[in-house]
Amino acid sequence: MQGKTVEKEELLAMLSDIYDQLEELENVLESNLSGLRQDWYYEQSENIEACESRLEAIEEDMTVIMSEAENIESAKRSARMKLELGF
């Protein structure tokens, strides 16, 4: 009987030790993952801001191009009208 009690106590001590190690591991993992999440969030924010800047530049270019196209089309219409009025 005495041997079984000692074995149970040893087993409980080992399980307690494993539990403590798991808690420590959980804390370390949480800390590392938290840092990784922050780094990833920062990287993604920078990527989104870069995309936003590029899109704004493209939109500005498109506005200029569309304006120029409208001016050219207007000039063509005006030239056609002059041609038609000439006949």
PDB file of N, CA and C in Angstrom:
ATOM      1  N   MET A   1       0.805  -1.194   0.000  1.00  0.00           N
ATOM      2  CA  MET A   1       0.000   0.000   0.000  1.00  0.00           C
ATOM      3  C   MET A   1       0.848   1.259   0.000  1.00  0.00           C
ATOM      4  N   GLN A   2       1.902   1.193   0.791  1.00  0.00           N
ATOM      5  CA  GLN A   2       2.777   2.348   0.904  1.00  0.00           C
ATOM      6  C   GLN A   2       3.381   2.698  -0.456  1.00  0.00           C
ATOM      7  N   GLY A   3       3.698   1.707  -1.253  1.00  0.00           N
ATOM      8  CA  GLY A   3       4.306   1.916  -2.578  1.00  0.00           C
ATOM      9  C   GLY A   3       3.337   2.609  -3.514  1.00  0.00           C
ATOM     10  N   LYS A   4       2.065   2.247  -3.431  1.00  0.00           N
ATOM     11  CA  LYS A   4       1.073   2.865  -4.299  1.00  0.00           C
ATOM     12  C   LYS A   4       0.872   4.330  -3.943  1.00  0.00           C
ATOM     13  N   THR A   5       0.897   4.670  -2.700  1.00  0.00           N
ATOM     14  CA  THR A   5       0.741   6.057  -2.266  1.00  0.00           C
ATOM     15  C   THR A   5       1.903   6.896  -2.753  1.00  0.00           C
ATOM     16  N   VAL A   6       3.109   6.348  -2.643  1.00  0.00           N
ATOM     17  CA  VAL A   6       4.302   7.046  -3.119  1.00  0.00           C
ATOM     18  C   VAL A   6       4.215   7.241  -4.627  1.00  0.00           C
ATOM     19  N   GLU A   7       3.767   6.206  -5.358  1.00  0.00           N
ATOM     20  CA  GLU A   7       3.633   6.312  -6.799  1.00  0.00           C
ATOM     21  C   GLU A   7       2.589   7.358  -7.173  1.00  0.00           C
ATOM     22  N   LYS A   8       1.491   7.409  -6.431  1.00  0.00           N
ATOM     23  CA  LYS A   8       0.459   8.398  -6.703  1.00  0.00           C
ATOM     24  C   LYS A   8       0.998   9.812  -6.462  1.00  0.00           C
ATOM     25  N   GLU A   9       1.737   9.958  -5.361  1.00  0.00           N
ATOM     26  CA  GLU A   9       2.302  11.265  -5.042  1.00  0.00           C
ATOM     27  C   GLU A   9       3.308  11.686  -6.105  1.00  0.00           C
ATOM     28  N   GLU A  10       4.137  10.747  -6.562  1.00  0.00           N
ATOM     29  CA  GLU A  10       5.105  11.045  -7.621  1.00  0.00           C
ATOM     30  C   GLU A  10       4.382  11.409  -8.914  1.00  0.00           C
ATOM     31  N   LEU A  11       3.336  10.660  -9.226  1.00  0.00           N
ATOM     32  CA  LEU A  11       2.555  10.921 -10.430  1.00  0.00           C
ATOM     33  C   LEU A  11       1.889  12.296 -10.345  1.00  0.00           C
ATOM     34  N   LEU A  12       1.319  12.620  -9.182  1.00  0.00           N
ATOM     35  CA  LEU A  12       0.704  13.933  -9.002  1.00  0.00           C
ATOM     36  C   LEU A  12       1.744  15.053  -9.108  1.00  0.00           C
ATOM     37  N   ALA A  13       2.921  14.827  -8.558  1.00  0.00           N
ATOM     38  CA  ALA A  13       3.989  15.821  -8.644  1.00  0.00           C
ATOM     39  C   ALA A  13       4.405  16.022 -10.106  1.00  0.00           C
ATOM     40  N   MET A  14       4.528  14.910 -10.860  1.00  0.00           N
ATOM     41  CA  MET A  14       4.902  15.009 -12.276  1.00  0.00           C
ATOM     42  C   MET A  14       3.803  15.738 -13.065  1.00  0.00           C
ATOM     43  N   LEU A  15       2.554  15.409 -12.794  1.00  0.00           N
ATOM     44  CA  LEU A  15       1.456  16.073 -13.486  1.00  0.00           C
ATOM     45  C   LEU A  15       1.398  17.559 -13.142  1.00  0.00           C
ATOM     46  N   SER A  16       1.653  17.874 -11.902  1.00  0.00           N
ATOM     47  CA  SER A  16       1.690  19.273 -11.481  1.00  0.00           C
ATOM     48  C   SER A  16       2.816  20.018 -12.196  1.00  0.00           C
ATOM     49  N   ASP A  17       3.959  19.368 -12.305  1.00  0.00           N
ATOM     50  CA  ASP A  17       5.103  19.950 -13.007  1.00  0.00           C
ATOM     51  C   ASP A  17       4.769  20.166 -14.480  1.00  0.00           C
ATOM     52  N   ILE A  18       4.133  19.185 -15.108  1.00  0.00           N
ATOM     53  CA  ILE A  18       3.729  19.310 -16.509  1.00  0.00           C
ATOM     54  C   ILE A  18       2.745  20.465 -16.672  1.00  0.00           C
ATOM     55  N   TYR A  19       1.814  20.572 -15.744  1.00  0.00           N
ATOM     56  CA  TYR A  19       0.828  21.654 -15.789  1.00  0.00           C
ATOM     57  C   TYR A  19       1.522  23.017 -15.717  1.00  0.00           C
ATOM     58  N   ASP A  20       2.481  23.143 -14.803  1.00  0.00           N
ATOM     59  CA  ASP A  20       3.232  24.402 -14.679  1.00  0.00           C
ATOM     60  C   ASP A  20       3.982  24.726 -15.966  1.00  0.00           C
ATOM     61  N   GLN A  21       4.600  23.701 -16.550  1.00  0.00           N
ATOM     62  CA  GLN A  21       5.325  23.922 -17.809  1.00  0.00           C
ATOM     63  C   GLN A  21       4.378  24.347 -18.937  1.00  0.00           C
ATOM     64  N   LEU A  22       3.198  23.741 -18.970  1.00  0.00           N
ATOM     65  CA  LEU A  22       2.215  24.107 -19.991  1.00  0.00           C
ATOM     66  C   LEU A  22       1.728  25.546 -19.807  1.00  0.00           C
ATOM     67  N   GLU A  23       1.529  25.959 -18.573  1.00  0.00           N
ATOM     68  CA  GLU A  23       1.130  27.344 -18.316  1.00  0.00           C
ATOM     69  C   GLU A  23       2.210  28.318 -18.772  1.00  0.00           C
ATOM     70  N   GLU A  24       3.455  27.973 -18.467  1.00  0.00           N
ATOM     71  CA  GLU A  24       4.573  28.816 -18.890  1.00  0.00           C
ATOM     72  C   GLU A  24       4.647  28.881 -20.418  1.00  0.00           C
ATOM     73  N   LEU A  25       4.474  27.742 -21.072  1.00  0.00           N
ATOM     74  CA  LEU A  25       4.478  27.686 -22.530  1.00  0.00           C
ATOM     75  C   LEU A  25       3.337  28.530 -23.110  1.00  0.00           C
ATOM     76  N   GLU A  26       2.174  28.434 -22.490  1.00  0.00           N
ATOM     77  CA  GLU A  26       1.023  29.218 -22.954  1.00  0.00           C
ATOM     78  C   GLU A  26       1.323  30.710 -22.881  1.00  0.00           C
ATOM     79  N   ASN A  27       1.935  31.150 -21.791  1.00  0.00           N
ATOM     80  CA  ASN A  27       2.288  32.569 -21.636  1.00  0.00           C
ATOM     81  C   ASN A  27       3.286  33.012 -22.693  1.00  0.00           C
ATOM     82  N   VAL A  28       4.292  32.188 -22.941  1.00  0.00           N
ATOM     83  CA  VAL A  28       5.306  32.518 -23.944  1.00  0.00           C
ATOM     84  C   VAL A  28       4.668  32.583 -25.335  1.00  0.00           C
ATOM     85  N   LEU A  29       3.835  31.594 -25.653  1.00  0.00           N
ATOM     86  CA  LEU A  29       3.168  31.575 -26.961  1.00  0.00           C
ATOM     87  C   LEU A  29       2.260  32.786 -27.130  1.00  0.00           C
ATOM     88  N   GLU A  30       1.512  33.119 -26.099  1.00  0.00           N
ATOM     89  CA  GLU A  30       0.613  34.271 -26.172  1.00  0.00           C
ATOM     90  C   GLU A  30       1.410  35.547 -26.420  1.00  0.00           C
ATOM     91  N   SER A  31       2.522  35.679 -25.733  1.00  0.00           N
ATOM     92  CA  SER A  31       3.372  36.852 -25.900  1.00  0.00           C
ATOM     93  C   SER A  31       3.918  36.923 -27.326  1.00  0.00           C
ATOM     94  N   ASN A  32       4.439  35.804 -27.831  1.00  0.00           N
ATOM     95  CA  ASN A  32       4.998  35.778 -29.182  1.00  0.00           C
ATOM     96  C   ASN A  32       3.925  36.014 -30.241  1.00  0.00           C
ATOM     97  N   LEU A  33       2.788  35.377 -30.079  1.00  0.00           N
ATOM     98  CA  LEU A  33       1.714  35.539 -31.054  1.00  0.00           C
ATOM     99  C   LEU A  33       1.171  36.962 -31.040  1.00  0.00           C
ATOM    100  N   SER A  34       1.125  37.551 -29.873  1.00  0.00           N
ATOM    101  CA  SER A  34       0.655  38.930 -29.776  1.00  0.00           C
ATOM    102  C   SER A  34       1.598  39.850 -30.551  1.00  0.00           C
ATOM    103  N   GLY A  35       2.884  39.651 -30.383  1.00  0.00           N
ATOM    104  CA  GLY A  35       3.868  40.441 -31.124  1.00  0.00           C
ATOM    105  C   GLY A  35       3.759  40.214 -32.625  1.00  0.00           C
ATOM    106  N   LEU A  36       3.574  38.969 -33.019  1.00  0.00           N
ATOM    107  CA  LEU A  36       3.427  38.658 -34.446  1.00  0.00           C
ATOM    108  C   LEU A  36       2.162  39.290 -35.017  1.00  0.00           C
ATOM    109  N   ARG A  37       1.084  39.257 -34.245  1.00  0.00           N
ATOM    110  CA  ARG A  37      -0.172  39.884 -34.692  1.00  0.00           C
ATOM    111  C   ARG A  37       0.025  41.374 -34.904  1.00  0.00           C
ATOM    112  N   GLN A  38       0.716  42.022 -33.994  1.00  0.00           N
ATOM    113  CA  GLN A  38       0.957  43.458 -34.122  1.00  0.00           C
ATOM    114  C   GLN A  38       1.819  43.754 -35.340  1.00  0.00           C
ATOM    115  N   ASP A  39       2.865  42.959 -35.547  1.00  0.00           N
ATOM    116  CA  ASP A  39       3.724  43.143 -36.726  1.00  0.00           C
ATOM    117  C   ASP A  39       2.927  42.948 -38.010  1.00  0.00           C
ATOM    118  N   TRP A  40       2.120  41.895 -38.056  1.00  0.00           N
ATOM    119  CA  TRP A  40       1.321  41.606 -39.234  1.00  0.00           C
ATOM    120  C   TRP A  40       0.323  42.729 -39.486  1.00  0.00           C
ATOM    121  N   TYR A  41      -0.322  43.209 -38.442  1.00  0.00           N
ATOM    122  CA  TYR A  41      -1.286  44.301 -38.573  1.00  0.00           C
ATOM    123  C   TYR A  41      -0.599  45.550 -39.125  1.00  0.00           C
ATOM    124  N   TYR A  42       0.585  45.856 -38.623  1.00  0.00           N
ATOM    125  CA  TYR A  42       1.335  47.025 -39.088  1.00  0.00           C
ATOM    126  C   TYR A  42       1.695  46.870 -40.560  1.00  0.00           C
ATOM    127  N   GLU A  43       2.177  45.683 -40.950  1.00  0.00           N
ATOM    128  CA  GLU A  43       2.532  45.436 -42.351  1.00  0.00           C
ATOM    129  C   GLU A  43       1.318  45.587 -43.252  1.00  0.00           C
ATOM    130  N   GLN A  44       0.197  45.016 -42.850  1.00  0.00           N
ATOM    131  CA  GLN A  44      -1.009  45.083 -43.675  1.00  0.00           C
ATOM    132  C   GLN A  44      -1.520  46.521 -43.771  1.00  0.00           C
ATOM    133  N   SER A  45      -1.413  47.269 -42.692  1.00  0.00           N
ATOM    134  CA  SER A  45      -1.819  48.679 -42.729  1.00  0.00           C
ATOM    135  C   SER A  45      -0.968  49.460 -43.715  1.00  0.00           C
ATOM    136  N   GLU A  46       0.334  49.200 -43.702  1.00  0.00           N
ATOM    137  CA  GLU A  46       1.230  49.870 -44.657  1.00  0.00           C
ATOM    138  C   GLU A  46       0.882  49.481 -46.091  1.00  0.00           C
ATOM    139  N   ASN A  47       0.611  48.197 -46.324  1.00  0.00           N
ATOM    140  CA  ASN A  47       0.250  47.743 -47.670  1.00  0.00           C
ATOM    141  C   ASN A  47      -1.040  48.410 -48.144  1.00  0.00           C
ATOM    142  N   ILE A  48      -2.009  48.511 -47.258  1.00  0.00           N
ATOM    143  CA  ILE A  48      -3.280  49.141 -47.618  1.00  0.00           C
ATOM    144  C   ILE A  48      -3.071  50.616 -47.924  1.00  0.00           C
ATOM    145  N   GLU A  49      -2.269  51.289 -47.119  1.00  0.00           N
ATOM    146  CA  GLU A  49      -1.995  52.705 -47.371  1.00  0.00           C
ATOM    147  C   GLU A  49      -1.279  52.902 -48.704  1.00  0.00           C
ATOM    148  N   ALA A  50      -0.337  52.008 -49.028  1.00  0.00           N
ATOM    149  CA  ALA A  50       0.369  52.103 -50.306  1.00  0.00           C
ATOM    150  C   ALA A  50      -0.600  51.895 -51.467  1.00  0.00           C
ATOM    151  N   CYS A  51      -1.488  50.925 -51.336  1.00  0.00           N
ATOM    152  CA  CYS A  51      -2.497  50.674 -52.380  1.00  0.00           C
ATOM    153  C   CYS A  51      -3.422  51.873 -52.517  1.00  0.00           C
ATOM    154  N   GLU A  52      -3.804  52.443 -51.399  1.00  0.00           N
ATOM    155  CA  GLU A  52      -4.688  53.607 -51.426  1.00  0.00           C
ATOM    156  C   GLU A  52      -4.028  54.770 -52.156  1.00  0.00           C
ATOM    157  N   SER A  53      -2.757  54.997 -51.890  1.00  0.00           N
ATOM    158  CA  SER A  53      -2.028  56.073 -52.559  1.00  0.00           C
ATOM    159  C   SER A  53      -1.950  55.824 -54.059  1.00  0.00           C
ATOM    160  N   ARG A  54      -1.654  54.578 -54.432  1.00  0.00           N
ATOM    161  CA  ARG A  54      -1.584  54.245 -55.864  1.00  0.00           C
ATOM    162  C   ARG A  54      -2.940  54.412 -56.538  1.00  0.00           C
ATOM    163  N   LEU A  55      -4.008  53.986 -55.861  1.00  0.00           N
ATOM    164  CA  LEU A  55      -5.343  54.140 -56.434  1.00  0.00           C
ATOM    165  C   LEU A  55      -5.715  55.609 -56.608  1.00  0.00           C
ATOM    166  N   GLU A  56      -5.379  56.426 -55.633  1.00  0.00           N
ATOM    167  CA  GLU A  56      -5.652  57.859 -55.750  1.00  0.00           C
ATOM    168  C   GLU A  56      -4.899  58.456 -56.928  1.00  0.00           C
ATOM    169  N   ALA A  57      -3.642  58.051 -57.104  1.00  0.00           N
ATOM    170  CA  ALA A  57      -2.859  58.555 -58.239  1.00  0.00           C
ATOM    171  C   ALA A  57      -3.482  58.116 -59.559  1.00  0.00           C
ATOM    172  N   ILE A  58      -3.930  56.879 -59.626  1.00  0.00           N
ATOM    173  CA  ILE A  58      -4.570  56.364 -60.844  1.00  0.00           C
ATOM    174  C   ILE A  58      -5.875  57.114 -61.109  1.00  0.00           C
ATOM    175  N   GLU A  59      -6.652  57.359 -60.063  1.00  0.00           N
ATOM    176  CA  GLU A  59      -7.902  58.101 -60.227  1.00  0.00           C
ATOM    177  C   GLU A  59      -7.641  59.512 -60.738  1.00  0.00           C
ATOM    178  N   GLU A  60      -6.605  60.158 -60.217  1.00  0.00           N
ATOM    179  CA  GLU A  60      -6.259  61.494 -60.689  1.00  0.00           C
ATOM    180  C   GLU A  60      -5.842  61.450 -62.156  1.00  0.00           C
ATOM    181  N   ASP A  61      -5.018  60.455 -62.515  1.00  0.00           N
ATOM    182  CA  ASP A  61      -4.614  60.301 -63.914  1.00  0.00           C
ATOM    183  C   ASP A  61      -5.822  60.065 -64.812  1.00  0.00           C
ATOM    184  N   MET A  62      -6.737  59.223 -64.355  1.00  0.00           N
ATOM    185  CA  MET A  62      -7.933  58.937 -65.147  1.00  0.00           C
ATOM    186  C   MET A  62      -8.799  60.180 -65.311  1.00  0.00           C
ATOM    187  N   THR A  63      -8.884  61.000 -64.292  1.00  0.00           N
ATOM    188  CA  THR A  63      -9.651  62.243 -64.380  1.00  0.00           C
ATOM    189  C   THR A  63      -9.046  63.148 -65.440  1.00  0.00           C
ATOM    190  N   VAL A  64      -7.732  63.265 -65.430  1.00  0.00           N
ATOM    191  CA  VAL A  64      -7.048  64.090 -66.432  1.00  0.00           C
ATOM    192  C   VAL A  64      -7.264  63.512 -67.826  1.00  0.00           C
ATOM    193  N   ILE A  65      -7.121  62.208 -67.967  1.00  0.00           N
ATOM    194  CA  ILE A  65      -7.297  61.558 -69.271  1.00  0.00           C
ATOM    195  C   ILE A  65      -8.723  61.740 -69.775  1.00  0.00           C
ATOM    196  N   MET A  66      -9.704  61.537 -68.889  1.00  0.00           N
ATOM    197  CA  MET A  66     -11.104  61.692 -69.290  1.00  0.00           C
ATOM    198  C   MET A  66     -11.390  63.139 -69.689  1.00  0.00           C
ATOM    199  N   SER A  67     -10.830  64.075 -68.969  1.00  0.00           N
ATOM    200  CA  SER A  67     -11.006  65.486 -69.295  1.00  0.00           C
ATOM    201  C   SER A  67     -10.414  65.794 -70.666  1.00  0.00           C
ATOM    202  N   GLU A  68      -9.211  65.279 -70.909  1.00  0.00           N
ATOM    203  CA  GLU A  68      -8.569  65.488 -72.211  1.00  0.00           C
ATOM    204  C   GLU A  68      -9.379  64.828 -73.316  1.00  0.00           C
ATOM    205  N   ALA A  69      -9.905  63.637 -73.058  1.00  0.00           N
ATOM    206  CA  ALA A  69     -10.715  62.942 -74.060  1.00  0.00           C
ATOM    207  C   ALA A  69     -11.983  63.737 -74.361  1.00  0.00           C
ATOM    208  N   GLU A  70     -12.601  64.298 -73.336  1.00  0.00           N
ATOM    209  CA  GLU A  70     -13.794  65.117 -73.554  1.00  0.00           C
ATOM    210  C   GLU A  70     -13.454  66.351 -74.371  1.00  0.00           C
ATOM    211  N   ASN A  71     -12.317  66.972 -74.088  1.00  0.00           N
ATOM    212  CA  ASN A  71     -11.898  68.148 -74.857  1.00  0.00           C
ATOM    213  C   ASN A  71     -11.657  67.789 -76.319  1.00  0.00           C
ATOM    214  N   ILE A  72     -11.022  66.652 -76.557  1.00  0.00           N
ATOM    215  CA  ILE A  72     -10.756  66.208 -77.931  1.00  0.00           C
ATOM    216  C   ILE A  72     -12.074  65.911 -78.643  1.00  0.00           C
ATOM    217  N   GLU A  73     -12.980  65.215 -77.961  1.00  0.00           N
ATOM    218  CA  GLU A  73     -14.282  64.891 -78.557  1.00  0.00           C
ATOM    219  C   GLU A  73     -15.061  66.166 -78.858  1.00  0.00           C
ATOM    220  N   SER A  74     -15.005  67.126 -77.953  1.00  0.00           N
ATOM    221  CA  SER A  74     -15.680  68.398 -78.160  1.00  0.00           C
ATOM    222  C   SER A  74     -15.093  69.120 -79.368  1.00  0.00           C
ATOM    223  N   ALA A  75     -13.792  69.098 -79.496  1.00  0.00           N
ATOM    224  CA  ALA A  75     -13.135  69.740 -80.639  1.00  0.00           C
ATOM    225  C   ALA A  75     -13.519  69.046 -81.945  1.00  0.00           C
ATOM    226  N   LYS A  76     -13.618  67.712 -81.921  1.00  0.00           N
ATOM    227  CA  LYS A  76     -14.019  66.970 -83.120  1.00  0.00           C
ATOM    228  C   LYS A  76     -15.450  67.327 -83.505  1.00  0.00           C
ATOM    229  N   ARG A  77     -16.349  67.411 -82.519  1.00  0.00           N
ATOM    230  CA  ARG A  77     -17.742  67.779 -82.799  1.00  0.00           C
ATOM    231  C   ARG A  77     -17.815  69.173 -83.403  1.00  0.00           C
ATOM    232  N   SER A  78     -17.015  70.070 -82.834  1.00  0.00           N
ATOM    233  CA  SER A  78     -16.999  71.446 -83.330  1.00  0.00           C
ATOM    234  C   SER A  78     -16.498  71.486 -84.774  1.00  0.00           C
ATOM    235  N   ALA A  79     -15.473  70.691 -85.052  1.00  0.00           N
ATOM    236  CA  ALA A  79     -14.939  70.647 -86.416  1.00  0.00           C
ATOM    237  C   ALA A  79     -15.969  70.050 -87.365  1.00  0.00           C
ATOM    238  N   ARG A  80     -16.701  69.028 -86.949  1.00  0.00           N
ATOM    239  CA  ARG A  80     -17.736  68.425 -87.789  1.00  0.00           C
ATOM    240  C   ARG A  80     -18.857  69.414 -88.068  1.00  0.00           C
ATOM    241  N   MET A  81     -19.217  70.165 -87.032  1.00  0.00           N
ATOM    242  CA  MET A  81     -20.291  71.148 -87.216  1.00  0.00           C
ATOM    243  C   MET A  81     -19.868  72.208 -88.223  1.00  0.00           C
ATOM    244  N   LYS A  82     -18.619  72.636 -88.117  1.00  0.00           N
ATOM    245  CA  LYS A  82     -18.127  73.635 -89.055  1.00  0.00           C
ATOM    246  C   LYS A  82     -18.145  73.071 -90.464  1.00  0.00           C
ATOM    247  N   LEU A  83     -17.744  71.814 -90.595  1.00  0.00           N
ATOM    248  CA  LEU A  83     -17.748  71.163 -91.900  1.00  0.00           C
ATOM    249  C   LEU A  83     -19.174  71.075 -92.441  1.00  0.00           C
ATOM    250  N   GLU A  84     -20.108  70.674 -91.600  1.00  0.00           N
ATOM    251  CA  GLU A  84     -21.487  70.557 -92.034  1.00  0.00           C
ATOM    252  C   GLU A  84     -22.078  71.907 -92.395  1.00  0.00           C
ATOM    253  N   LEU A  85     -21.738  72.925 -91.618  1.00  0.00           N
ATOM    254  CA  LEU A  85     -22.246  74.258 -91.910  1.00  0.00           C
ATOM    255  C   LEU A  85     -21.664  74.790 -93.220  1.00  0.00           C
ATOM    256  N   GLY A  86     -20.476  74.323 -93.547  1.00  0.00           N
ATOM    257  CA  GLY A  86     -19.831  74.768 -94.802  1.00  0.00           C
ATOM    258  C   GLY A  86     -20.536  74.226 -96.027  1.00  0.00           C
ATOM    259  N   PHE A  87     -21.217  73.098 -95.919  1.00  0.00           N
ATOM    260  CA  PHE A  87     -21.899  72.532 -97.095  1.00  0.00           C
ATOM    261  C   PHE A  87     -23.229  73.126 -97.199  1.00  0.00           C
TER     262      PHE A  87
END
